[in-house]
Amino acid sequence: MKVAVLGSRELVFGFRLAGVDGLEVEPCESTVELFKETAADSDVAIIILGQSLFKYLKEEVHKVRIAGPLPSIISLPELTDKGEPHDANALIAEFLGLSI
């Protein structure tokens, strides 16, 4: 089973440091198709989305969640999100259980 990361450069880079591959994407129509393909991949158990991408894909995420327990879809705040600042290393450490 694999983990797929889709989001901003900073989010993807943080996961790459931890050994998890990802794709740098911005919210757009082609991203919807990429998300559908990723969700349909039977090898993908977890999809991690940047918060802005998660909001953009809200309807598609809902459809995938209704369809079954896998893949699990997680939204993580990105450094570019407005509001409270986030420590990317702390988020990765919390999610993966390791420190960078």
N, C-alpha and C. Protein backbone atom coordinates (compact mmCIF):
# COMPACT_ATOMS: atom_id res chain seq x y z
N MET A 1 0.84 -1.18 0.00
CA MET A 1 0.00 0.00 0.00
C MET A 1 0.88 1.25 0.00
N LYS A 2 0.42 2.27 -0.72
CA LYS A 2 1.21 3.48 -0.88
C LYS A 2 0.48 4.69 -0.28
N VAL A 3 1.27 5.72 -0.06
CA VAL A 3 0.77 7.03 0.34
C VAL A 3 0.99 7.97 -0.84
N ALA A 4 -0.03 8.73 -1.20
CA ALA A 4 0.09 9.72 -2.27
C ALA A 4 -0.07 11.10 -1.66
N VAL A 5 0.83 12.01 -2.02
CA VAL A 5 0.78 13.38 -1.52
C VAL A 5 0.57 14.31 -2.70
N LEU A 6 -0.46 15.15 -2.62
CA LEU A 6 -0.76 16.14 -3.65
C LEU A 6 -0.89 17.49 -2.97
N GLY A 7 -0.15 18.47 -3.45
CA GLY A 7 -0.25 19.78 -2.84
C GLY A 7 0.84 20.73 -3.28
N SER A 8 1.06 21.72 -2.46
CA SER A 8 2.03 22.77 -2.76
C SER A 8 3.45 22.21 -2.74
N ARG A 9 4.36 22.97 -3.29
CA ARG A 9 5.77 22.59 -3.33
C ARG A 9 6.30 22.30 -1.93
N GLU A 10 5.95 23.16 -0.97
CA GLU A 10 6.45 23.00 0.39
C GLU A 10 5.93 21.72 1.05
N LEU A 11 4.64 21.43 0.85
CA LEU A 11 4.06 20.23 1.44
C LEU A 11 4.70 18.98 0.85
N VAL A 12 4.80 18.94 -0.45
CA VAL A 12 5.39 17.78 -1.13
C VAL A 12 6.86 17.62 -0.76
N PHE A 13 7.59 18.73 -0.71
CA PHE A 13 9.01 18.68 -0.35
C PHE A 13 9.20 18.09 1.05
N GLY A 14 8.36 18.51 1.98
CA GLY A 14 8.46 17.98 3.34
C GLY A 14 8.29 16.47 3.39
N PHE A 15 7.35 15.96 2.63
CA PHE A 15 7.15 14.51 2.60
C PHE A 15 8.27 13.80 1.85
N ARG A 16 8.81 14.44 0.83
CA ARG A 16 9.95 13.85 0.10
C ARG A 16 11.14 13.67 1.04
N LEU A 17 11.33 14.63 1.94
CA LEU A 17 12.41 14.50 2.93
C LEU A 17 12.22 13.27 3.80
N ALA A 18 10.96 12.90 4.01
CA ALA A 18 10.65 11.73 4.82
C ALA A 18 10.58 10.45 3.99
N GLY A 19 10.87 10.55 2.67
CA GLY A 19 10.88 9.37 1.83
C GLY A 19 9.55 9.05 1.17
N VAL A 20 8.60 9.98 1.21
CA VAL A 20 7.29 9.77 0.60
C VAL A 20 7.19 10.64 -0.65
N ASP A 21 6.96 10.01 -1.79
CA ASP A 21 6.84 10.77 -3.04
C ASP A 21 5.51 11.51 -3.11
N GLY A 22 5.51 12.58 -3.86
CA GLY A 22 4.30 13.36 -4.04
C GLY A 22 4.37 14.17 -5.32
N LEU A 23 3.26 14.81 -5.65
CA LEU A 23 3.18 15.65 -6.83
C LEU A 23 2.81 17.06 -6.44
N GLU A 24 3.57 18.01 -6.96
CA GLU A 24 3.26 19.42 -6.75
C GLU A 24 2.15 19.80 -7.71
N VAL A 25 1.00 20.19 -7.17
CA VAL A 25 -0.15 20.55 -8.01
C VAL A 25 -0.86 21.76 -7.42
N GLU A 26 -1.49 22.50 -8.29
CA GLU A 26 -2.31 23.64 -7.91
C GLU A 26 -3.77 23.29 -8.22
N PRO A 27 -4.72 23.87 -7.49
CA PRO A 27 -6.12 23.60 -7.80
C PRO A 27 -6.47 24.05 -9.22
N CYS A 28 -6.85 23.10 -10.08
CA CYS A 28 -7.29 23.39 -11.45
C CYS A 28 -8.05 22.16 -11.96
N GLU A 29 -8.64 22.28 -13.13
CA GLU A 29 -9.45 21.19 -13.67
C GLU A 29 -8.66 19.90 -13.86
N SER A 30 -7.41 19.99 -14.31
CA SER A 30 -6.61 18.78 -14.51
C SER A 30 -6.30 18.08 -13.18
N THR A 31 -6.31 18.83 -12.11
CA THR A 31 -6.07 18.24 -10.79
C THR A 31 -7.22 17.33 -10.37
N VAL A 32 -8.43 17.66 -10.81
CA VAL A 32 -9.59 16.81 -10.50
C VAL A 32 -9.37 15.43 -11.10
N GLU A 33 -8.95 15.37 -12.35
CA GLU A 33 -8.70 14.08 -13.00
C GLU A 33 -7.55 13.33 -12.33
N LEU A 34 -6.50 14.06 -11.96
CA LEU A 34 -5.37 13.43 -11.26
C LEU A 34 -5.83 12.83 -9.94
N PHE A 35 -6.65 13.56 -9.21
CA PHE A 35 -7.17 13.05 -7.94
C PHE A 35 -8.01 11.80 -8.16
N LYS A 36 -8.88 11.80 -9.17
CA LYS A 36 -9.72 10.63 -9.46
C LYS A 36 -8.86 9.42 -9.79
N GLU A 37 -7.82 9.62 -10.60
CA GLU A 37 -6.92 8.53 -10.96
C GLU A 37 -6.19 8.00 -9.72
N THR A 38 -5.74 8.90 -8.87
CA THR A 38 -5.03 8.50 -7.66
C THR A 38 -5.96 7.72 -6.74
N ALA A 39 -7.18 8.20 -6.57
CA ALA A 39 -8.14 7.53 -5.69
C ALA A 39 -8.55 6.16 -6.24
N ALA A 40 -8.52 5.99 -7.55
CA ALA A 40 -8.91 4.72 -8.16
C ALA A 40 -7.78 3.69 -8.13
N ASP A 41 -6.56 4.11 -7.84
CA ASP A 41 -5.40 3.21 -7.79
C ASP A 41 -5.53 2.32 -6.55
N SER A 42 -5.65 1.03 -6.76
CA SER A 42 -5.86 0.10 -5.65
C SER A 42 -4.64 -0.02 -4.73
N ASP A 43 -3.48 0.44 -5.18
CA ASP A 43 -2.28 0.41 -4.34
C ASP A 43 -2.20 1.58 -3.37
N VAL A 44 -3.02 2.62 -3.58
CA VAL A 44 -2.98 3.82 -2.73
C VAL A 44 -3.94 3.65 -1.56
N ALA A 45 -3.38 3.66 -0.35
CA ALA A 45 -4.19 3.52 0.87
C ALA A 45 -4.49 4.86 1.51
N ILE A 46 -3.59 5.84 1.34
CA ILE A 46 -3.75 7.15 1.96
C ILE A 46 -3.43 8.22 0.92
N ILE A 47 -4.31 9.22 0.83
CA ILE A 47 -4.06 10.38 -0.01
C ILE A 47 -3.98 11.59 0.92
N ILE A 48 -2.85 12.28 0.85
CA ILE A 48 -2.66 13.49 1.65
C ILE A 48 -2.77 14.68 0.71
N LEU A 49 -3.70 15.58 1.04
CA LEU A 49 -3.93 16.76 0.22
C LEU A 49 -3.59 18.01 1.02
N GLY A 50 -3.02 18.99 0.33
CA GLY A 50 -2.87 20.31 0.94
C GLY A 50 -4.25 20.89 1.16
N GLN A 51 -4.39 21.74 2.15
CA GLN A 51 -5.69 22.25 2.53
C GLN A 51 -6.41 22.99 1.40
N SER A 52 -5.69 23.81 0.63
CA SER A 52 -6.34 24.54 -0.46
C SER A 52 -6.82 23.57 -1.54
N LEU A 53 -6.05 22.54 -1.81
CA LEU A 53 -6.46 21.53 -2.79
C LEU A 53 -7.64 20.73 -2.26
N PHE A 54 -7.62 20.41 -0.98
CA PHE A 54 -8.74 19.69 -0.36
C PHE A 54 -10.04 20.47 -0.51
N LYS A 55 -9.99 21.77 -0.28
CA LYS A 55 -11.19 22.60 -0.42
C LYS A 55 -11.66 22.62 -1.87
N TYR A 56 -10.73 22.69 -2.81
CA TYR A 56 -11.07 22.71 -4.22
C TYR A 56 -11.71 21.38 -4.66
N LEU A 57 -11.24 20.27 -4.11
CA LEU A 57 -11.72 18.94 -4.48
C LEU A 57 -12.81 18.40 -3.56
N LYS A 58 -13.42 19.27 -2.81
CA LYS A 58 -14.38 18.89 -1.76
C LYS A 58 -15.42 17.87 -2.25
N GLU A 59 -16.04 18.11 -3.39
CA GLU A 59 -17.07 17.20 -3.89
C GLU A 59 -16.49 15.84 -4.27
N GLU A 60 -15.34 15.84 -4.91
CA GLU A 60 -14.71 14.58 -5.31
C GLU A 60 -14.25 13.79 -4.09
N VAL A 61 -13.72 14.48 -3.10
CA VAL A 61 -13.30 13.82 -1.85
C VAL A 61 -14.51 13.15 -1.20
N HIS A 62 -15.63 13.85 -1.17
CA HIS A 62 -16.86 13.30 -0.58
C HIS A 62 -17.28 12.02 -1.31
N LYS A 63 -17.22 12.02 -2.62
CA LYS A 63 -17.59 10.83 -3.41
C LYS A 63 -16.69 9.65 -3.07
N VAL A 64 -15.40 9.90 -2.96
CA VAL A 64 -14.45 8.82 -2.64
C VAL A 64 -14.70 8.29 -1.24
N ARG A 65 -14.96 9.17 -0.31
CA ARG A 65 -15.19 8.74 1.08
C ARG A 65 -16.46 7.90 1.20
N ILE A 66 -17.48 8.23 0.43
CA ILE A 66 -18.73 7.47 0.45
C ILE A 66 -18.54 6.09 -0.17
N ALA A 67 -17.67 6.00 -1.17
CA ALA A 67 -17.46 4.75 -1.91
C ALA A 67 -16.85 3.63 -1.06
N GLY A 68 -16.11 3.97 -0.02
CA GLY A 68 -15.50 2.93 0.79
C GLY A 68 -14.44 3.47 1.72
N PRO A 69 -13.88 2.58 2.55
CA PRO A 69 -12.92 3.03 3.55
C PRO A 69 -11.56 3.42 2.99
N LEU A 70 -11.20 2.89 1.83
CA LEU A 70 -9.91 3.22 1.23
C LEU A 70 -10.12 3.86 -0.13
N PRO A 71 -9.33 4.79 -0.48
CA PRO A 71 -8.22 5.34 0.28
C PRO A 71 -8.71 6.32 1.35
N SER A 72 -7.94 6.41 2.40
CA SER A 72 -8.19 7.40 3.43
C SER A 72 -7.65 8.74 2.92
N ILE A 73 -8.43 9.80 3.09
CA ILE A 73 -8.03 11.11 2.57
C ILE A 73 -7.82 12.06 3.75
N ILE A 74 -6.63 12.66 3.77
CA ILE A 74 -6.24 13.53 4.87
C ILE A 74 -5.88 14.90 4.31
N SER A 75 -6.34 15.93 4.98
CA SER A 75 -5.99 17.31 4.60
C SER A 75 -5.01 17.86 5.61
N LEU A 76 -3.93 18.45 5.11
CA LEU A 76 -2.95 19.08 5.99
C LEU A 76 -2.80 20.55 5.62
N PRO A 77 -2.67 21.41 6.61
CA PRO A 77 -2.43 22.82 6.31
C PRO A 77 -1.09 23.00 5.62
N GLU A 78 -1.04 24.01 4.78
CA GLU A 78 0.19 24.30 4.06
C GLU A 78 0.79 25.60 4.58
N LEU A 79 2.05 25.78 4.34
CA LEU A 79 2.73 26.99 4.81
C LEU A 79 2.11 28.24 4.22
N THR A 80 1.52 28.12 3.04
CA THR A 80 0.94 29.28 2.37
C THR A 80 -0.48 29.60 2.83
N ASP A 81 -1.07 28.72 3.66
CA ASP A 81 -2.42 28.97 4.16
C ASP A 81 -2.43 30.16 5.10
N LYS A 82 -3.48 30.96 4.98
CA LYS A 82 -3.61 32.12 5.87
C LYS A 82 -4.04 31.65 7.26
N GLY A 83 -3.76 32.45 8.24
CA GLY A 83 -4.13 32.11 9.60
C GLY A 83 -2.91 31.77 10.42
N GLU A 84 -3.09 30.86 11.34
CA GLU A 84 -2.01 30.47 12.26
C GLU A 84 -0.85 29.83 11.50
N PRO A 85 0.39 30.24 11.76
CA PRO A 85 1.52 29.63 11.08
C PRO A 85 1.68 28.17 11.49
N HIS A 86 2.21 27.37 10.58
CA HIS A 86 2.36 25.94 10.82
C HIS A 86 3.82 25.55 10.66
N ASP A 87 4.25 24.62 11.46
CA ASP A 87 5.59 24.07 11.36
C ASP A 87 5.50 22.78 10.55
N ALA A 88 5.99 22.81 9.30
CA ALA A 88 5.88 21.66 8.41
C ALA A 88 6.55 20.43 9.01
N ASN A 89 7.71 20.59 9.64
CA ASN A 89 8.40 19.45 10.24
C ASN A 89 7.56 18.83 11.35
N ALA A 90 6.90 19.65 12.14
CA ALA A 90 6.06 19.13 13.22
C ALA A 90 4.87 18.36 12.65
N LEU A 91 4.27 18.87 11.56
CA LEU A 91 3.14 18.17 10.94
C LEU A 91 3.57 16.82 10.40
N ILE A 92 4.72 16.77 9.74
CA ILE A 92 5.21 15.52 9.19
C ILE A 92 5.55 14.55 10.31
N ALA A 93 6.20 15.05 11.35
CA ALA A 93 6.55 14.20 12.48
C ALA A 93 5.30 13.62 13.13
N GLU A 94 4.26 14.44 13.27
CA GLU A 94 3.02 13.97 13.88
C GLU A 94 2.34 12.93 13.00
N PHE A 95 2.33 13.16 11.70
CA PHE A 95 1.64 12.26 10.78
C PHE A 95 2.40 10.95 10.60
N LEU A 96 3.70 11.03 10.37
CA LEU A 96 4.50 9.85 10.08
C LEU A 96 5.13 9.22 11.30
N GLY A 97 5.15 9.95 12.41
CA GLY A 97 5.76 9.41 13.62
C GLY A 97 7.27 9.45 13.60
N LEU A 98 7.83 10.38 12.82
CA LEU A 98 9.29 10.51 12.80
C LEU A 98 9.68 11.97 12.75
N SER A 99 10.91 12.23 13.09
CA SER A 99 11.40 13.61 13.15
C SER A 99 12.41 13.84 12.03
N ILE A 100 12.34 15.04 11.44
CA ILE A 100 13.26 15.38 10.37
C ILE A 100 14.25 16.40 10.88
